C-alpha atoms as a PDB file:
ATOM      1  CA  MET A   1      37.116  31.677  41.239  1.00  0.00           C
ATOM      2  CA  GLU A   2      35.325  32.006  37.718  1.00  0.00           C
ATOM      3  CA  THR A   3      34.949  35.805  36.307  1.00  0.00           C
ATOM      4  CA  HIS A   4      32.944  37.545  33.410  1.00  0.00           C
ATOM      5  CA  THR A   5      32.114  40.650  32.349  1.00  0.00           C
ATOM      6  CA  LEU A   6      29.312  43.119  33.212  1.00  0.00           C
ATOM      7  CA  GLY A   7      28.470  46.221  31.210  1.00  0.00           C
ATOM      8  CA  TYR A   8      27.317  49.716  32.971  1.00  0.00           C
ATOM      9  CA  LYS A   9      25.952  53.175  31.550  1.00  0.00           C
ATOM     10  CA  PHE A  10      25.559  56.139  33.326  1.00  0.00           C
ATOM     11  CA  ARG A  11      25.362  59.763  32.114  1.00  0.00           C
ATOM     12  CA  ILE A  12      28.609  62.041  32.076  1.00  0.00           C
ATOM     13  CA  TYR A  13      28.750  65.646  32.553  1.00  0.00           C
ATOM     14  CA  PRO A  14      31.802  67.151  30.428  1.00  0.00           C
ATOM     15  CA  SER A  15      32.839  70.724  30.646  1.00  0.00           C
ATOM     16  CA  LYS A  16      32.948  72.738  27.473  1.00  0.00           C
ATOM     17  CA  THR A  17      36.341  72.017  27.300  1.00  0.00           C
ATOM     18  CA  GLN A  18      36.086  68.639  27.779  1.00  0.00           C
ATOM     19  CA  GLU A  19      33.227  68.395  25.364  1.00  0.00           C
ATOM     20  CA  ASN A  20      35.596  70.084  22.707  1.00  0.00           C
ATOM     21  CA  LEU A  21      38.111  67.105  23.249  1.00  0.00           C
ATOM     22  CA  ILE A  22      35.495  64.578  22.954  1.00  0.00           C
ATOM     23  CA  ASN A  23      34.721  65.873  19.983  1.00  0.00           C
ATOM     24  CA  ARG A  24      38.214  65.884  18.606  1.00  0.00           C
ATOM     25  CA  THR A  25      38.647  62.282  19.667  1.00  0.00           C
ATOM     26  CA  LEU A  26      35.216  61.370  17.895  1.00  0.00           C
ATOM     27  CA  GLY A  27      36.457  63.140  14.684  1.00  0.00           C
ATOM     28  CA  CYS A  28      39.846  61.475  14.732  1.00  0.00           C
ATOM     29  CA  VAL A  29      38.481  58.270  15.614  1.00  0.00           C
ATOM     30  CA  ARG A  30      36.441  58.299  12.447  1.00  0.00           C
ATOM     31  CA  PHE A  31      39.207  59.733  10.124  1.00  0.00           C
ATOM     32  CA  VAL A  32      40.941  57.022  10.799  1.00  0.00           C
ATOM     33  CA  PHE A  33      38.549  54.189  10.448  1.00  0.00           C
ATOM     34  CA  ASN A  34      38.008  55.784   6.992  1.00  0.00           C
ATOM     35  CA  HIS A  35      41.773  56.238   6.381  1.00  0.00           C
ATOM     36  CA  PHE A  36      42.830  52.511   6.326  1.00  0.00           C
ATOM     37  CA  LEU A  37      39.341  51.382   5.414  1.00  0.00           C
ATOM     38  CA  ALA A  38      40.605  53.201   2.249  1.00  0.00           C
ATOM     39  CA  VAL A  39      44.220  51.967   2.081  1.00  0.00           C
ATOM     40  CA  ARG A  40      42.977  48.284   3.016  1.00  0.00           C
ATOM     41  CA  ARG A  41      40.775  48.806   0.470  1.00  0.00           C
ATOM     42  CA  ASP A  42      43.064  49.872  -2.169  1.00  0.00           C
ATOM     43  CA  GLU A  43      45.833  47.785  -0.953  1.00  0.00           C
ATOM     44  CA  TRP A  44      43.636  44.906  -2.076  1.00  0.00           C
ATOM     45  CA  LYS A  45      42.710  46.241  -5.303  1.00  0.00           C
ATOM     46  CA  VAL A  46      46.548  46.707  -6.635  1.00  0.00           C
ATOM     47  CA  ASN A  47      48.401  44.539  -4.573  1.00  0.00           C
ATOM     48  CA  ARG A  48      45.732  41.643  -3.608  1.00  0.00           C
ATOM     49  CA  ASN A  49      47.343  41.927  -0.365  1.00  0.00           C
ATOM     50  CA  PRO A  50      45.382  42.171   2.887  1.00  0.00           C
ATOM     51  CA  LEU A  51      46.400  44.155   5.375  1.00  0.00           C
ATOM     52  CA  THR A  52      46.399  43.259   8.861  1.00  0.00           C
ATOM     53  CA  TYR A  53      45.869  44.958  12.060  1.00  0.00           C
ATOM     54  CA  VAL A  54      49.231  45.183  13.134  1.00  0.00           C
ATOM     55  CA  LYS A  55      50.470  46.489   9.813  1.00  0.00           C
ATOM     56  CA  THR A  56      48.001  49.332   9.722  1.00  0.00           C
ATOM     57  CA  SER A  57      48.828  50.019  13.394  1.00  0.00           C
ATOM     58  CA  ARG A  58      52.681  50.561  11.846  1.00  0.00           C
ATOM     59  CA  LEU A  59      51.416  52.982   9.720  1.00  0.00           C
ATOM     60  CA  LEU A  60      49.064  55.079  12.028  1.00  0.00           C
ATOM     61  CA  THR A  61      52.461  55.662  13.827  1.00  0.00           C
ATOM     62  CA  ASP A  62      54.260  56.755  10.960  1.00  0.00           C
ATOM     63  CA  LEU A  63      50.913  59.065   9.912  1.00  0.00           C
ATOM     64  CA  LYS A  64      50.932  60.963  13.293  1.00  0.00           C
ATOM     65  CA  LYS A  65      54.578  61.825  12.593  1.00  0.00           C
ATOM     66  CA  ARG A  66      53.193  63.427   9.439  1.00  0.00           C
ATOM     67  CA  GLU A  67      52.920  67.557   9.720  1.00  0.00           C
ATOM     68  CA  GLU A  68      49.444  67.420   8.010  1.00  0.00           C
ATOM     69  CA  THR A  69      48.083  64.678  10.573  1.00  0.00           C
ATOM     70  CA  ALA A  70      50.268  65.885  13.529  1.00  0.00           C
ATOM     71  CA  TRP A  71      46.827  66.556  15.498  1.00  0.00           C
ATOM     72  CA  LEU A  72      46.166  62.610  15.545  1.00  0.00           C
ATOM     73  CA  SER A  73      48.551  63.295  18.634  1.00  0.00           C
ATOM     74  CA  GLU A  74      46.527  65.680  20.697  1.00  0.00           C
ATOM     75  CA  VAL A  75      43.701  62.931  21.345  1.00  0.00           C
ATOM     76  CA  ASP A  76      43.731  59.220  23.194  1.00  0.00           C
ATOM     77  CA  SER A  77      46.283  56.895  21.575  1.00  0.00           C
ATOM     78  CA  MET A  78      43.846  54.200  22.658  1.00  0.00           C
ATOM     79  CA  ALA A  79      41.041  55.225  21.038  1.00  0.00           C
ATOM     80  CA  LEU A  80      42.486  55.316  17.427  1.00  0.00           C
ATOM     81  CA  GLN A  81      43.835  51.860  18.288  1.00  0.00           C
ATOM     82  CA  GLU A  82      40.383  50.641  19.155  1.00  0.00           C
ATOM     83  CA  ALA A  83      39.314  51.946  15.769  1.00  0.00           C
ATOM     84  CA  LEU A  84      41.916  49.761  13.980  1.00  0.00           C
ATOM     85  CA  ARG A  85      40.905  47.112  16.023  1.00  0.00           C
ATOM     86  CA  ASP A  86      37.137  47.794  14.924  1.00  0.00           C
ATOM     87  CA  LEU A  87      37.919  47.776  11.274  1.00  0.00           C
ATOM     88  CA  ASP A  88      39.809  44.609  11.470  1.00  0.00           C
ATOM     89  CA  HIS A  89      36.889  42.929  12.988  1.00  0.00           C
ATOM     90  CA  ALA A  90      34.740  44.390  10.319  1.00  0.00           C
ATOM     91  CA  TYR A  91      37.177  42.828   7.743  1.00  0.00           C
ATOM     92  CA  GLU A  92      36.650  39.553   9.943  1.00  0.00           C
ATOM     93  CA  ASN A  93      33.035  39.596   9.773  1.00  0.00           C
ATOM     94  CA  PHE A  94      32.943  40.265   6.112  1.00  0.00           C
ATOM     95  CA  PHE A  95      35.095  37.474   5.141  1.00  0.00           C
ATOM     96  CA  ALA A  96      33.725  34.594   7.276  1.00  0.00           C
ATOM     97  CA  LYS A  97      29.887  35.987   5.564  1.00  0.00           C
ATOM     98  CA  ARG A  98      28.362  37.666   8.554  1.00  0.00           C
ATOM     99  CA  ALA A  99      28.179  41.077   7.834  1.00  0.00           C
ATOM    100  CA  ARG A 100      28.411  43.345   4.686  1.00  0.00           C
ATOM    101  CA  TYR A 101      31.678  45.022   3.061  1.00  0.00           C
ATOM    102  CA  PRO A 102      32.459  47.712   6.036  1.00  0.00           C
ATOM    103  CA  ARG A 103      31.411  51.121   5.030  1.00  0.00           C
ATOM    104  CA  PHE A 104      32.755  54.578   5.559  1.00  0.00           C
ATOM    105  CA  LYS A 105      31.864  56.614   8.816  1.00  0.00           C
ATOM    106  CA  SER A 106      29.909  59.713   8.183  1.00  0.00           C
ATOM    107  CA  LYS A 107      30.274  63.079   9.624  1.00  0.00           C
ATOM    108  CA  ARG A 108      26.663  63.818   9.312  1.00  0.00           C
ATOM    109  CA  SER A 109      25.896  60.853  12.050  1.00  0.00           C
ATOM    110  CA  HIS A 110      24.252  62.262  14.716  1.00  0.00           C
ATOM    111  CA  SER A 111      24.973  59.375  17.500  1.00  0.00           C
ATOM    112  CA  GLN A 112      28.809  58.689  17.367  1.00  0.00           C
ATOM    113  CA  SER A 113      31.203  56.752  20.120  1.00  0.00           C
ATOM    114  CA  TYR A 114      34.829  55.440  20.887  1.00  0.00           C
ATOM    115  CA  ARG A 115      36.170  53.160  22.915  1.00  0.00           C
ATOM    116  CA  THR A 116      39.323  53.225  24.639  1.00  0.00           C
ATOM    117  CA  ARG A 117      41.255  50.889  27.430  1.00  0.00           C
ATOM    118  CA  ASN A 118      42.053  50.873  30.943  1.00  0.00           C
ATOM    119  CA  GLN A 119      45.646  50.985  31.093  1.00  0.00           C
ATOM    120  CA  SER A 120      47.797  51.703  34.564  1.00  0.00           C
ATOM    121  CA  GLY A 121      44.365  52.873  36.245  1.00  0.00           C
ATOM    122  CA  GLY A 122      43.775  55.219  33.396  1.00  0.00           C
ATOM    123  CA  ILE A 123      40.256  54.580  33.732  1.00  0.00           C
ATOM    124  CA  ARG A 124      39.090  55.151  37.198  1.00  0.00           C
ATOM    125  CA  ILE A 125      35.983  56.473  39.488  1.00  0.00           C
ATOM    126  CA  GLU A 126      37.035  58.720  42.110  1.00  0.00           C
ATOM    127  CA  GLY A 127      34.186  60.034  44.150  1.00  0.00           C
ATOM    128  CA  ASN A 128      31.274  61.679  41.591  1.00  0.00           C
ATOM    129  CA  ARG A 129      33.953  61.904  38.862  1.00  0.00           C
ATOM    130  CA  ILE A 130      35.453  59.568  36.336  1.00  0.00           C
ATOM    131  CA  LYS A 131      39.016  59.708  35.174  1.00  0.00           C
ATOM    132  CA  LEU A 132      39.406  59.247  31.323  1.00  0.00           C
ATOM    133  CA  PRO A 133      42.451  59.259  29.178  1.00  0.00           C
ATOM    134  CA  LYS A 134      43.357  62.922  27.780  1.00  0.00           C
ATOM    135  CA  VAL A 135      40.243  64.018  28.738  1.00  0.00           C
ATOM    136  CA  GLY A 136      40.573  63.973  32.406  1.00  0.00           C
ATOM    137  CA  PHE A 137      38.074  63.816  35.225  1.00  0.00           C
ATOM    138  CA  VAL A 138      34.439  63.964  34.167  1.00  0.00           C
ATOM    139  CA  LYS A 139      31.368  64.443  36.416  1.00  0.00           C
ATOM    140  CA  ILE A 140      29.488  61.207  36.236  1.00  0.00           C
ATOM    141  CA  LYS A 141      26.163  60.598  37.596  1.00  0.00           C
ATOM    142  CA  GLN A 142      26.884  56.774  38.517  1.00  0.00           C
ATOM    143  CA  SER A 143      23.120  55.273  39.420  1.00  0.00           C
ATOM    144  CA  ARG A 144      24.627  52.342  41.012  1.00  0.00           C
ATOM    145  CA  GLU A 145      27.794  50.513  42.529  1.00  0.00           C
ATOM    146  CA  PHE A 146      29.903  47.873  41.215  1.00  0.00           C
ATOM    147  CA  GLY A 147      32.634  45.684  42.080  1.00  0.00           C
ATOM    148  CA  GLY A 148      35.338  44.556  39.977  1.00  0.00           C
ATOM    149  CA  ARG A 149      38.253  45.738  37.009  1.00  0.00           C
ATOM    150  CA  ILE A 150      37.078  48.089  34.571  1.00  0.00           C
ATOM    151  CA  LEU A 151      38.596  46.683  31.309  1.00  0.00           C
ATOM    152  CA  ASN A 152      37.776  49.589  28.755  1.00  0.00           C
ATOM    153  CA  ALA A 153      34.866  52.209  28.512  1.00  0.00           C
ATOM    154  CA  THR A 154      33.197  53.422  25.672  1.00  0.00           C
ATOM    155  CA  VAL A 155      31.955  57.248  25.460  1.00  0.00           C
ATOM    156  CA  ARG A 156      29.409  58.441  23.437  1.00  0.00           C
ATOM    157  CA  ARG A 157      27.854  61.435  22.065  1.00  0.00           C
ATOM    158  CA  ALA A 158      23.639  60.836  21.811  1.00  0.00           C
ATOM    159  CA  ALA A 159      21.558  62.326  19.269  1.00  0.00           C
ATOM    160  CA  SER A 160      19.855  64.442  21.976  1.00  0.00           C
ATOM    161  CA  GLY A 161      23.383  65.899  22.226  1.00  0.00           C
ATOM    162  CA  LYS A 162      24.030  64.023  26.020  1.00  0.00           C
ATOM    163  CA  TYR A 163      26.809  62.393  26.681  1.00  0.00           C
ATOM    164  CA  PHE A 164      27.190  59.069  28.226  1.00  0.00           C
ATOM    165  CA  ILE A 165      29.959  56.442  29.171  1.00  0.00           C
ATOM    166  CA  SER A 166      29.425  52.300  29.370  1.00  0.00           C
ATOM    167  CA  LEU A 167      32.001  50.644  31.347  1.00  0.00           C
ATOM    168  CA  CYS A 168      32.945  46.882  30.715  1.00  0.00           C
ATOM    169  CA  VAL A 169      34.195  45.575  34.243  1.00  0.00           C
ATOM    170  CA  GLU A 170      35.185  42.065  34.814  1.00  0.00           C
ATOM    171  CA  THR A 171      33.868  40.463  37.960  1.00  0.00           C
ATOM    172  CA  GLU A 172      33.889  37.407  39.843  1.00  0.00           C
ATOM    173  CA  LYS A 173      30.530  35.278  38.325  1.00  0.00           C
ATOM    174  CA  GLU A 174      28.110  34.944  40.846  1.00  0.00           C
ATOM    175  CA  SER A 175      24.506  33.382  40.092  1.00  0.00           C
ATOM    176  CA  LEU A 176      21.839  35.767  39.222  1.00  0.00           C
ATOM    177  CA  LEU A 177      18.911  33.624  39.059  1.00  0.00           C
ATOM    178  CA  ARG A 178      16.644  33.219  42.304  1.00  0.00           C
ATOM    179  CA  PRO A 179      14.618  29.966  43.009  1.00  0.00           C
ATOM    180  CA  ASN A 180      10.916  29.989  42.689  1.00  0.00           C
ATOM    181  CA  GLY A 181      10.442  27.057  44.697  1.00  0.00           C
ATOM    182  CA  GLY A 182       9.230  25.309  41.212  1.00  0.00           C
ATOM    183  CA  LYS A 183       6.446  27.259  40.598  1.00  0.00           C
ATOM    184  CA  GLN A 184       4.945  27.815  36.979  1.00  0.00           C
ATOM    185  CA  ILE A 185       3.225  30.730  35.794  1.00  0.00           C
ATOM    186  CA  GLY A 186       1.707  31.798  32.072  1.00  0.00           C
ATOM    187  CA  ILE A 187       2.109  35.298  30.760  1.00  0.00           C
ATOM    188  CA  ASP A 188       0.031  36.607  28.396  1.00  0.00           C
ATOM    189  CA  VAL A 189       0.915  39.726  26.223  1.00  0.00           C
ATOM    190  CA  GLY A 190      -1.949  41.827  25.159  1.00  0.00           C
ATOM    191  CA  LEU A 191      -3.540  45.357  23.483  1.00  0.00           C
ATOM    192  CA  ARG A 192      -5.303  46.979  26.304  1.00  0.00           C
ATOM    193  CA  ALA A 193      -3.089  45.772  28.845  1.00  0.00           C
ATOM    194  CA  PHE A 194       0.948  45.436  28.633  1.00  0.00           C
ATOM    195  CA  CYS A 195       0.195  41.217  29.854  1.00  0.00           C
ATOM    196  CA  SER A 196      -1.696  39.428  32.275  1.00  0.00           C
ATOM    197  CA  ASP A 197      -0.592  36.435  34.348  1.00  0.00           C
ATOM    198  CA  SER A 198      -2.479  33.229  34.955  1.00  0.00           C
ATOM    199  CA  ASP A 199      -2.701  34.118  38.603  1.00  0.00           C
ATOM    200  CA  GLY A 200      -5.107  36.855  37.517  1.00  0.00           C
ATOM    201  CA  ASN A 201      -2.524  40.001  37.772  1.00  0.00           C
ATOM    202  CA  VAL A 202      -2.746  42.515  34.794  1.00  0.00           C
ATOM    203  CA  THR A 203      -0.166  44.700  33.818  1.00  0.00           C
ATOM    204  CA  GLN A 204      -0.818  48.217  32.169  1.00  0.00           C
ATOM    205  CA  SER A 205       1.461  50.108  30.266  1.00  0.00           C
ATOM    206  CA  PRO A 206       3.476  52.993  31.388  1.00  0.00           C
ATOM    207  CA  ARG A 207       1.115  56.222  31.720  1.00  0.00           C
ATOM    208  CA  PRO A 208       3.552  58.689  30.236  1.00  0.00           C
ATOM    209  CA  LEU A 209       3.823  56.698  27.010  1.00  0.00           C
ATOM    210  CA  LYS A 210       0.725  58.103  25.525  1.00  0.00           C
ATOM    211  CA  LYS A 211       1.370  62.031  26.111  1.00  0.00           C
ATOM    212  CA  LEU A 212       4.936  61.596  24.872  1.00  0.00           C
ATOM    213  CA  GLN A 213       3.744  59.899  21.690  1.00  0.00           C
ATOM    214  CA  ARG A 214       1.449  62.748  21.005  1.00  0.00           C
ATOM    215  CA  LYS A 215       4.525  65.146  22.106  1.00  0.00           C
ATOM    216  CA  LEU A 216       6.445  63.524  19.542  1.00  0.00           C
ATOM    217  CA  CYS A 217       4.390  63.803  16.690  1.00  0.00           C
ATOM    218  CA  ARG A 218       4.092  67.797  17.453  1.00  0.00           C
ATOM    219  CA  GLU A 219       7.764  67.906  17.378  1.00  0.00           C
ATOM    220  CA  GLN A 220       8.079  65.408  14.161  1.00  0.00           C
ATOM    221  CA  ARG A 221       5.510  68.128  12.090  1.00  0.00           C
ATOM    222  CA  ARG A 222       7.303  71.137  13.369  1.00  0.00           C
ATOM    223  CA  LEU A 223      10.878  69.407  12.344  1.00  0.00           C
ATOM    224  CA  SER A 224       9.139  68.847   8.930  1.00  0.00           C
ATOM    225  CA  ARG A 225       8.440  72.622   8.461  1.00  0.00           C
ATOM    226  CA  LYS A 226      12.209  73.631   8.835  1.00  0.00           C
ATOM    227  CA  LEU A 227      14.632  74.592   5.966  1.00  0.00           C
ATOM    228  CA  PRO A 228      16.956  71.567   5.351  1.00  0.00           C
ATOM    229  CA  LYS A 229      20.476  72.577   6.710  1.00  0.00           C
ATOM    230  CA  SER A 230      19.301  75.610   8.933  1.00  0.00           C
ATOM    231  CA  MET A 231      20.119  75.897  12.656  1.00  0.00           C
ATOM    232  CA  ASN A 232      16.739  75.663  13.288  1.00  0.00           C
ATOM    233  CA  ARG A 233      16.165  72.247  11.731  1.00  0.00           C
ATOM    234  CA  ASP A 234      19.271  71.041  13.818  1.00  0.00           C
ATOM    235  CA  LYS A 235      17.527  72.645  17.060  1.00  0.00           C
ATOM    236  CA  ALA A 236      14.207  70.582  15.808  1.00  0.00           C
ATOM    237  CA  ARG A 237      15.911  67.558  15.565  1.00  0.00           C
ATOM    238  CA  VAL A 238      17.667  67.780  18.905  1.00  0.00           C
ATOM    239  CA  ARG A 239      13.736  68.171  20.492  1.00  0.00           C
ATOM    240  CA  VAL A 240      12.885  65.490  18.431  1.00  0.00           C
ATOM    241  CA  ALA A 241      16.051  63.137  19.376  1.00  0.00           C
ATOM    242  CA  ARG A 242      14.979  63.900  23.283  1.00  0.00           C
ATOM    243  CA  VAL A 243      11.647  62.708  23.148  1.00  0.00           C
ATOM    244  CA  HIS A 244      12.931  59.333  21.582  1.00  0.00           C
ATOM    245  CA  GLU A 245      14.972  59.009  24.033  1.00  0.00           C
ATOM    246  CA  ARG A 246      12.703  59.898  26.937  1.00  0.00           C
ATOM    247  CA  ILE A 247      10.307  57.111  25.269  1.00  0.00           C
ATOM    248  CA  ALA A 248      13.100  54.596  25.283  1.00  0.00           C
ATOM    249  CA  ASN A 249      13.935  55.263  28.964  1.00  0.00           C
ATOM    250  CA  ILE A 250      10.329  55.085  30.553  1.00  0.00           C
ATOM    251  CA  ARG A 251      10.074  51.515  28.346  1.00  0.00           C
ATOM    252  CA  ARG A 252      13.172  50.045  29.148  1.00  0.00           C
ATOM    253  CA  ASP A 253      12.936  51.321  33.309  1.00  0.00           C
ATOM    254  CA  PHE A 254       9.263  49.797  33.052  1.00  0.00           C
ATOM    255  CA  LEU A 255      10.565  46.456  31.139  1.00  0.00           C
ATOM    256  CA  HIS A 256      13.299  46.480  33.740  1.00  0.00           C
ATOM    257  CA  LYS A 257      11.291  46.794  36.761  1.00  0.00           C
ATOM    258  CA  LEU A 258       8.755  44.285  35.797  1.00  0.00           C
ATOM    259  CA  SER A 259      10.952  41.450  34.584  1.00  0.00           C
END
């Protein structure tokens, strides 16, 4: 039977030790991406020789053996390889004129992620926990069941400080469309109401949004009064990010249920 891939996103609750390891992995992935971006840029400038993924992968192995960068061996090796693949894809998109020249990743970016592949059952769900390479079993809030084989996982630290995991799952293809008997309907999107259809049904926007938007304005005003690079400003930034996240979740849930 034909297969296709689906994505599932869940929240995870790592322990303090696991948080530290995830954050170290994020830093190592960023370092590898930036290091080999500089190497590929300099190699092209000097020798006009484009480095490939295979060559950079060999250089990464040598980099791990150096004493000053031996700490790269302490994190998930597949995550570092995926950073090299991302860099290679970025160059492919640049040369194909689909994107700009690759840019260095910033440490100050509030939302960061890394991707790892599932090899020999290295990523699997057992009960209310998910096994991740190097990290171990992490508590997961699995909001829905799914079948199929996990291909890879993306671990993300959101701007709000929460941790999420996105799973790419290979499953058997099936039709997701429901027959409607050939009936047609017209939908008009408005300002006072979210939408209305030709059958006379009117759908209002979610009520909590107005309250949260007022709260967002208050938190943004408080953020603007904080001193730059201070701990209080960072705390205020997290509060703003959490309100943004709440608004996005309500809108996403509303649209999903409406559709």
